[in-house]
Amino acid sequence: MQQILSMQAAEGMVLGMDVLTSDGRILCGKGTSLTATIIERIRKMDISYITVEGHPVQVEGEKSLEQELRDIEKRFSRVKHVPPLMYIKKKIKQRKVAGRKTS
């Protein structure tokens, strides 16, 4: 999932979390596919950020998935003989990969 500015929203993106109004009511539910009408409504209600599935927006200066996975390998390189830490490394890498998948 990726949190993006509502101004970066595009048709076809899928919400990864509910979009709430300022008073806590659900405007759009998780799993909703964005349409031009929904995006316009979100922007008119001054909702600054939304969370979408996958990682559809590339942010300048942001590391690629491959770079992030290499960094994780480097961080855990000194503890390859510690099974609990290897399990944690595996789970971190899985979450990174799952968070970058696009729908």
N, C-alpha and C. Protein backbone atom coordinates (compact mmCIF):
# COMPACT_ATOMS: atom_id res chain seq x y z
N MET A 1 0.83 -1.18 0.00
CA MET A 1 0.00 0.00 0.00
C MET A 1 0.88 1.24 0.00
N GLN A 2 0.34 2.30 -0.54
CA GLN A 2 1.08 3.55 -0.59
C GLN A 2 0.14 4.69 -0.26
N GLN A 3 0.60 5.58 0.61
CA GLN A 3 -0.15 6.80 0.90
C GLN A 3 0.28 7.83 -0.12
N ILE A 4 -0.71 8.43 -0.80
CA ILE A 4 -0.42 9.42 -1.83
C ILE A 4 -1.26 10.66 -1.59
N LEU A 5 -0.86 11.76 -2.20
CA LEU A 5 -1.68 12.96 -2.18
C LEU A 5 -2.93 12.72 -3.01
N SER A 6 -4.04 13.27 -2.61
CA SER A 6 -5.26 13.09 -3.40
C SER A 6 -5.08 13.65 -4.81
N MET A 7 -4.19 14.62 -4.97
CA MET A 7 -3.92 15.19 -6.29
C MET A 7 -3.17 14.19 -7.19
N GLN A 8 -2.58 13.15 -6.62
CA GLN A 8 -1.88 12.13 -7.40
C GLN A 8 -2.80 10.97 -7.77
N ALA A 9 -4.01 10.97 -7.26
CA ALA A 9 -4.95 9.88 -7.53
C ALA A 9 -5.31 9.84 -9.01
N ALA A 10 -5.48 8.63 -9.51
CA ALA A 10 -5.85 8.44 -10.91
C ALA A 10 -6.93 7.37 -11.01
N GLU A 11 -7.71 7.46 -12.06
CA GLU A 11 -8.76 6.47 -12.28
C GLU A 11 -8.14 5.08 -12.35
N GLY A 12 -8.84 4.12 -11.75
CA GLY A 12 -8.38 2.74 -11.77
C GLY A 12 -7.58 2.33 -10.55
N MET A 13 -7.02 3.30 -9.80
CA MET A 13 -6.33 2.95 -8.55
C MET A 13 -7.37 2.39 -7.59
N VAL A 14 -6.92 1.51 -6.70
CA VAL A 14 -7.83 0.87 -5.75
C VAL A 14 -7.45 1.31 -4.34
N LEU A 15 -8.45 1.73 -3.57
CA LEU A 15 -8.20 2.19 -2.20
C LEU A 15 -7.71 1.04 -1.32
N GLY A 16 -6.64 1.30 -0.59
CA GLY A 16 -6.09 0.31 0.34
C GLY A 16 -6.65 0.47 1.73
N MET A 17 -7.26 1.62 2.01
CA MET A 17 -7.89 1.90 3.30
C MET A 17 -9.12 2.75 3.05
N ASP A 18 -10.06 2.72 4.00
CA ASP A 18 -11.23 3.57 3.90
C ASP A 18 -10.81 5.03 3.84
N VAL A 19 -11.57 5.83 3.08
CA VAL A 19 -11.37 7.29 3.07
C VAL A 19 -12.43 7.86 3.98
N LEU A 20 -11.99 8.59 5.01
CA LEU A 20 -12.90 9.13 6.01
C LEU A 20 -13.08 10.63 5.83
N THR A 21 -14.29 11.10 6.15
CA THR A 21 -14.55 12.54 6.15
C THR A 21 -13.94 13.14 7.42
N SER A 22 -13.94 14.44 7.52
CA SER A 22 -13.35 15.11 8.68
C SER A 22 -14.06 14.73 9.98
N ASP A 23 -15.33 14.33 9.90
CA ASP A 23 -16.05 13.92 11.11
C ASP A 23 -16.06 12.40 11.32
N GLY A 24 -15.22 11.67 10.56
CA GLY A 24 -15.03 10.25 10.78
C GLY A 24 -15.96 9.31 10.03
N ARG A 25 -16.80 9.84 9.18
CA ARG A 25 -17.68 8.98 8.38
C ARG A 25 -16.91 8.42 7.19
N ILE A 26 -17.30 7.23 6.75
CA ILE A 26 -16.64 6.62 5.59
C ILE A 26 -17.20 7.23 4.31
N LEU A 27 -16.30 7.83 3.53
CA LEU A 27 -16.67 8.40 2.24
C LEU A 27 -16.59 7.31 1.16
N CYS A 28 -15.49 6.57 1.17
CA CYS A 28 -15.28 5.45 0.23
C CYS A 28 -14.60 4.33 1.00
N GLY A 29 -15.05 3.12 0.74
CA GLY A 29 -14.51 1.98 1.46
C GLY A 29 -13.27 1.39 0.81
N LYS A 30 -12.51 0.69 1.63
CA LYS A 30 -11.33 -0.04 1.16
C LYS A 30 -11.75 -0.95 0.01
N GLY A 31 -10.93 -1.02 -1.03
CA GLY A 31 -11.23 -1.87 -2.17
C GLY A 31 -11.98 -1.17 -3.28
N THR A 32 -12.38 0.08 -3.04
CA THR A 32 -13.09 0.84 -4.07
C THR A 32 -12.14 1.23 -5.18
N SER A 33 -12.55 1.00 -6.42
CA SER A 33 -11.77 1.43 -7.58
C SER A 33 -12.10 2.89 -7.86
N LEU A 34 -11.08 3.71 -7.95
CA LEU A 34 -11.31 5.15 -8.13
C LEU A 34 -11.80 5.48 -9.53
N THR A 35 -12.79 6.35 -9.55
CA THR A 35 -13.32 6.89 -10.81
C THR A 35 -13.10 8.39 -10.78
N ALA A 36 -13.32 9.05 -11.90
CA ALA A 36 -13.16 10.50 -11.95
C ALA A 36 -14.10 11.18 -10.96
N THR A 37 -15.31 10.67 -10.81
CA THR A 37 -16.29 11.25 -9.89
C THR A 37 -15.83 11.12 -8.44
N ILE A 38 -15.33 9.95 -8.07
CA ILE A 38 -14.87 9.74 -6.69
C ILE A 38 -13.66 10.62 -6.40
N ILE A 39 -12.74 10.69 -7.34
CA ILE A 39 -11.54 11.53 -7.14
C ILE A 39 -11.94 12.98 -6.97
N GLU A 40 -12.86 13.45 -7.77
CA GLU A 40 -13.33 14.84 -7.67
C GLU A 40 -13.97 15.08 -6.30
N ARG A 41 -14.79 14.14 -5.84
CA ARG A 41 -15.44 14.29 -4.52
C ARG A 41 -14.40 14.34 -3.41
N ILE A 42 -13.40 13.47 -3.46
CA ILE A 42 -12.33 13.46 -2.45
C ILE A 42 -11.63 14.81 -2.41
N ARG A 43 -11.31 15.34 -3.57
CA ARG A 43 -10.60 16.62 -3.64
C ARG A 43 -11.48 17.76 -3.15
N LYS A 44 -12.77 17.75 -3.50
CA LYS A 44 -13.69 18.82 -3.06
C LYS A 44 -13.87 18.82 -1.55
N MET A 45 -13.71 17.66 -0.93
CA MET A 45 -13.87 17.57 0.52
C MET A 45 -12.56 17.87 1.25
N ASP A 46 -11.56 18.36 0.51
CA ASP A 46 -10.26 18.74 1.08
C ASP A 46 -9.57 17.60 1.82
N ILE A 47 -9.70 16.39 1.29
CA ILE A 47 -8.97 15.25 1.84
C ILE A 47 -7.62 15.24 1.15
N SER A 48 -6.57 15.44 1.93
CA SER A 48 -5.23 15.61 1.37
C SER A 48 -4.58 14.31 0.93
N TYR A 49 -4.75 13.25 1.73
CA TYR A 49 -4.05 11.99 1.46
C TYR A 49 -5.04 10.83 1.42
N ILE A 50 -4.73 9.85 0.57
CA ILE A 50 -5.46 8.61 0.53
C ILE A 50 -4.45 7.48 0.45
N THR A 51 -4.87 6.28 0.82
CA THR A 51 -4.00 5.12 0.74
C THR A 51 -4.53 4.20 -0.34
N VAL A 52 -3.66 3.84 -1.28
CA VAL A 52 -4.05 2.99 -2.39
C VAL A 52 -3.26 1.68 -2.35
N GLU A 53 -3.81 0.66 -3.00
CA GLU A 53 -3.14 -0.63 -3.07
C GLU A 53 -1.92 -0.54 -3.99
N GLY A 54 -0.96 -1.38 -3.71
CA GLY A 54 0.24 -1.40 -4.53
C GLY A 54 1.12 -0.19 -4.27
N HIS A 55 1.87 0.18 -5.27
CA HIS A 55 2.80 1.31 -5.19
C HIS A 55 2.79 2.01 -6.54
N PRO A 56 1.63 2.63 -6.89
CA PRO A 56 1.47 3.16 -8.24
C PRO A 56 2.19 4.48 -8.54
N VAL A 57 2.60 5.20 -7.50
CA VAL A 57 3.20 6.51 -7.72
C VAL A 57 4.68 6.47 -7.36
N GLN A 58 5.52 6.79 -8.33
CA GLN A 58 6.96 6.86 -8.08
C GLN A 58 7.28 8.25 -7.55
N VAL A 59 7.91 8.30 -6.38
CA VAL A 59 8.26 9.56 -5.74
C VAL A 59 9.74 9.85 -6.00
N GLU A 60 10.03 11.07 -6.40
CA GLU A 60 11.41 11.45 -6.69
C GLU A 60 12.29 11.22 -5.47
N GLY A 61 13.42 10.57 -5.68
CA GLY A 61 14.36 10.30 -4.60
C GLY A 61 14.06 9.02 -3.84
N GLU A 62 12.94 8.40 -4.12
CA GLU A 62 12.56 7.18 -3.43
C GLU A 62 13.35 6.00 -3.98
N LYS A 63 13.73 5.08 -3.12
CA LYS A 63 14.49 3.91 -3.54
C LYS A 63 13.59 2.94 -4.29
N SER A 64 14.17 2.23 -5.24
CA SER A 64 13.44 1.19 -5.95
C SER A 64 13.32 -0.02 -5.02
N LEU A 65 12.43 -0.93 -5.37
CA LEU A 65 12.27 -2.15 -4.58
C LEU A 65 13.58 -2.92 -4.51
N GLU A 66 14.28 -3.00 -5.62
CA GLU A 66 15.54 -3.73 -5.64
C GLU A 66 16.56 -3.10 -4.69
N GLN A 67 16.62 -1.77 -4.66
CA GLN A 67 17.54 -1.09 -3.74
C GLN A 67 17.17 -1.37 -2.28
N GLU A 68 15.88 -1.34 -1.99
CA GLU A 68 15.44 -1.60 -0.63
C GLU A 68 15.77 -3.03 -0.20
N LEU A 69 15.59 -3.99 -1.11
CA LEU A 69 15.91 -5.38 -0.78
C LEU A 69 17.40 -5.58 -0.57
N ARG A 70 18.22 -4.90 -1.37
CA ARG A 70 19.69 -4.96 -1.17
C ARG A 70 20.07 -4.37 0.18
N ASP A 71 19.43 -3.26 0.56
CA ASP A 71 19.70 -2.64 1.86
C ASP A 71 19.37 -3.58 3.01
N ILE A 72 18.25 -4.31 2.88
CA ILE A 72 17.87 -5.27 3.92
C ILE A 72 18.90 -6.37 4.02
N GLU A 73 19.35 -6.89 2.88
CA GLU A 73 20.39 -7.93 2.88
C GLU A 73 21.65 -7.42 3.58
N LYS A 74 22.04 -6.22 3.27
CA LYS A 74 23.25 -5.64 3.87
C LYS A 74 23.10 -5.50 5.38
N ARG A 75 21.93 -5.04 5.83
CA ARG A 75 21.71 -4.85 7.27
C ARG A 75 21.77 -6.16 8.04
N PHE A 76 21.34 -7.24 7.43
CA PHE A 76 21.31 -8.53 8.10
C PHE A 76 22.53 -9.40 7.79
N SER A 77 23.50 -8.89 7.05
CA SER A 77 24.63 -9.70 6.60
C SER A 77 25.49 -10.25 7.74
N ARG A 78 25.54 -9.59 8.86
CA ARG A 78 26.39 -10.04 9.97
C ARG A 78 25.71 -11.05 10.88
N VAL A 79 24.44 -11.32 10.67
CA VAL A 79 23.72 -12.21 11.59
C VAL A 79 23.09 -13.40 10.86
N LYS A 80 23.75 -13.86 9.81
CA LYS A 80 23.21 -14.96 9.01
C LYS A 80 23.08 -16.26 9.78
N HIS A 81 23.78 -16.38 10.88
CA HIS A 81 23.76 -17.60 11.69
C HIS A 81 22.70 -17.56 12.80
N VAL A 82 21.88 -16.52 12.86
CA VAL A 82 20.87 -16.38 13.92
C VAL A 82 19.48 -16.60 13.31
N PRO A 83 18.93 -17.81 13.45
CA PRO A 83 17.66 -18.13 12.80
C PRO A 83 16.50 -17.15 13.07
N PRO A 84 16.30 -16.69 14.31
CA PRO A 84 15.18 -15.75 14.51
C PRO A 84 15.34 -14.46 13.70
N LEU A 85 16.57 -13.99 13.56
CA LEU A 85 16.80 -12.78 12.78
C LEU A 85 16.62 -13.03 11.29
N MET A 86 16.96 -14.22 10.84
CA MET A 86 16.74 -14.56 9.43
C MET A 86 15.25 -14.64 9.12
N TYR A 87 14.48 -15.11 10.08
CA TYR A 87 13.02 -15.14 9.93
C TYR A 87 12.48 -13.71 9.82
N ILE A 88 12.98 -12.83 10.66
CA ILE A 88 12.55 -11.42 10.62
C ILE A 88 12.93 -10.79 9.28
N LYS A 89 14.14 -11.06 8.81
CA LYS A 89 14.58 -10.53 7.52
C LYS A 89 13.63 -11.00 6.41
N LYS A 90 13.31 -12.28 6.43
CA LYS A 90 12.41 -12.84 5.41
C LYS A 90 11.07 -12.13 5.43
N LYS A 91 10.51 -11.91 6.62
CA LYS A 91 9.20 -11.25 6.74
C LYS A 91 9.27 -9.79 6.29
N ILE A 92 10.35 -9.11 6.60
CA ILE A 92 10.51 -7.71 6.16
C ILE A 92 10.53 -7.65 4.63
N LYS A 93 11.30 -8.54 4.03
CA LYS A 93 11.38 -8.57 2.56
C LYS A 93 10.03 -8.90 1.94
N GLN A 94 9.30 -9.84 2.52
CA GLN A 94 7.97 -10.18 2.00
C GLN A 94 7.02 -8.98 2.05
N ARG A 95 7.08 -8.22 3.14
CA ARG A 95 6.20 -7.04 3.28
C ARG A 95 6.58 -5.97 2.27
N LYS A 96 7.86 -5.79 2.05
CA LYS A 96 8.31 -4.80 1.06
C LYS A 96 7.79 -5.17 -0.32
N VAL A 97 7.95 -6.44 -0.69
CA VAL A 97 7.50 -6.90 -2.01
C VAL A 97 5.98 -6.77 -2.13
N ALA A 98 5.26 -7.21 -1.11
CA ALA A 98 3.79 -7.14 -1.15
C ALA A 98 3.30 -5.69 -1.23
N GLY A 99 4.01 -4.80 -0.56
CA GLY A 99 3.61 -3.38 -0.58
C GLY A 99 3.83 -2.70 -1.90
N ARG A 100 4.69 -3.26 -2.72
CA ARG A 100 4.98 -2.66 -4.03
C ARG A 100 4.18 -3.26 -5.18
N LYS A 101 3.48 -4.35 -4.92
CA LYS A 101 2.68 -4.97 -6.00
C LYS A 101 1.55 -4.04 -6.38
N THR A 102 1.31 -3.93 -7.66
CA THR A 102 0.21 -3.11 -8.14
C THR A 102 -0.94 -4.01 -8.53
N SER A 103 -2.10 -3.49 -8.42
CA SER A 103 -3.30 -4.27 -8.75
C SER A 103 -3.51 -4.33 -10.23
